Amino acid sequence: MNASFLLFFPFAFLTTSFLPQEALTGWLAAIADYNPITHLLAALRSLLSDGWVWADLWPGLLAIAVVGAVSFTLAFGALRGRVSRG
């Protein structure tokens, strides 16, 4: 679990957590467009400022679903590999 910190910590800096999307340029803007944390932050910001506007919340919910699906697929694949060896 502690080793995953080294993998996911850089993603916090490759998002719009410190600068708005319009202020990012070059490769940082391109990476931030595909980073699911960017979409999650945008959904949380819109929830705080505008309320329950579903058009703004859907990208964040979709990002959570995609990351969850990929994570569970990889975790269950690793579990299947361990169980089949034992």
Protein backbone atom coordinates (compact mmCIF):
# COMPACT_ATOMS: atom_id res chain seq x y z
CA MET A 1 0.00 0.00 0.00
CA ASN A 2 2.79 2.41 0.81
CA ALA A 3 4.47 1.73 -2.51
CA SER A 4 1.35 2.82 -4.37
CA PHE A 5 1.94 6.31 -2.98
CA LEU A 6 4.97 6.60 -5.27
CA LEU A 7 2.84 5.68 -8.28
CA PHE A 8 -0.16 7.92 -7.64
CA PHE A 9 1.41 10.98 -5.99
CA PRO A 10 2.68 12.47 -9.29
CA PHE A 11 -0.86 12.35 -10.69
CA ALA A 12 -1.86 15.00 -8.16
CA PHE A 13 0.48 17.46 -9.84
CA LEU A 14 -0.63 16.53 -13.37
CA THR A 15 -4.16 17.82 -12.78
CA THR A 16 -5.97 21.11 -12.36
CA SER A 17 -5.50 21.04 -8.59
CA PHE A 18 -3.19 24.06 -8.61
CA LEU A 19 -4.05 25.88 -11.85
CA PRO A 20 -7.22 26.14 -13.92
CA GLN A 21 -7.40 24.18 -17.18
CA GLU A 22 -7.03 27.36 -19.24
CA ALA A 23 -3.70 28.20 -17.57
CA LEU A 24 -2.09 24.86 -18.45
CA THR A 25 -0.10 24.73 -21.67
CA GLY A 26 1.80 22.20 -23.72
CA TRP A 27 2.28 18.66 -22.52
CA LEU A 28 0.87 19.43 -19.07
CA ALA A 29 -2.47 20.46 -20.60
CA ALA A 30 -2.53 17.30 -22.71
CA ILE A 31 -1.86 15.05 -19.72
CA ALA A 32 -4.42 16.89 -17.58
CA ASP A 33 -7.09 16.30 -20.24
CA TYR A 34 -6.70 12.51 -19.91
CA ASN A 35 -6.10 12.36 -16.16
CA PRO A 36 -9.26 11.12 -14.39
CA ILE A 37 -8.43 13.15 -11.28
CA THR A 38 -8.92 16.33 -13.34
CA HIS A 39 -12.49 15.33 -14.13
CA LEU A 40 -13.15 14.34 -10.53
CA LEU A 41 -11.88 17.71 -9.28
CA ALA A 42 -14.02 19.55 -11.82
CA ALA A 43 -17.09 17.66 -10.65
CA LEU A 44 -16.34 18.39 -7.00
CA ARG A 45 -15.79 22.09 -7.75
CA SER A 46 -19.06 22.34 -9.64
CA LEU A 47 -20.84 20.54 -6.80
CA LEU A 48 -19.56 23.11 -4.32
CA SER A 49 -20.20 26.17 -6.46
CA ASP A 50 -23.30 25.29 -8.51
CA GLY A 51 -24.94 22.44 -6.64
CA TRP A 52 -26.38 19.29 -8.18
CA VAL A 53 -25.93 20.10 -11.87
CA TRP A 54 -25.79 16.65 -13.41
CA ALA A 55 -24.22 17.84 -16.67
CA ASP A 56 -21.16 18.90 -14.65
CA LEU A 57 -21.14 15.84 -12.38
CA TRP A 58 -21.31 13.09 -15.03
CA PRO A 59 -17.66 13.34 -16.15
CA GLY A 60 -16.51 12.91 -12.55
CA LEU A 61 -18.79 9.94 -11.98
CA LEU A 62 -17.64 8.39 -15.25
CA ALA A 63 -13.99 8.87 -14.23
CA ILE A 64 -14.67 7.09 -10.93
CA ALA A 65 -16.40 4.23 -12.75
CA VAL A 66 -13.60 3.78 -15.29
CA VAL A 67 -10.82 3.87 -12.70
CA GLY A 68 -12.79 1.49 -10.49
CA ALA A 69 -13.42 -0.94 -13.33
CA VAL A 70 -9.76 -0.97 -14.36
CA SER A 71 -8.60 -1.34 -10.75
CA PHE A 72 -10.96 -4.21 -9.97
CA THR A 73 -10.11 -5.97 -13.23
CA LEU A 74 -6.39 -5.83 -12.47
CA ALA A 75 -6.91 -6.86 -8.83
CA PHE A 76 -9.10 -9.83 -9.69
CA GLY A 77 -6.70 -10.85 -12.46
CA ALA A 78 -3.84 -10.87 -9.95
CA LEU A 79 -5.98 -12.83 -7.49
CA ARG A 80 -6.88 -15.38 -10.16
CA GLY A 81 -3.19 -15.83 -10.93
CA ARG A 82 -2.36 -16.43 -7.29
CA VAL A 83 -5.23 -18.84 -6.71
CA SER A 84 -4.51 -20.90 -9.83
CA ARG A 85 -0.83 -21.34 -8.80
CA GLY A 86 -1.71 -22.49 -5.29
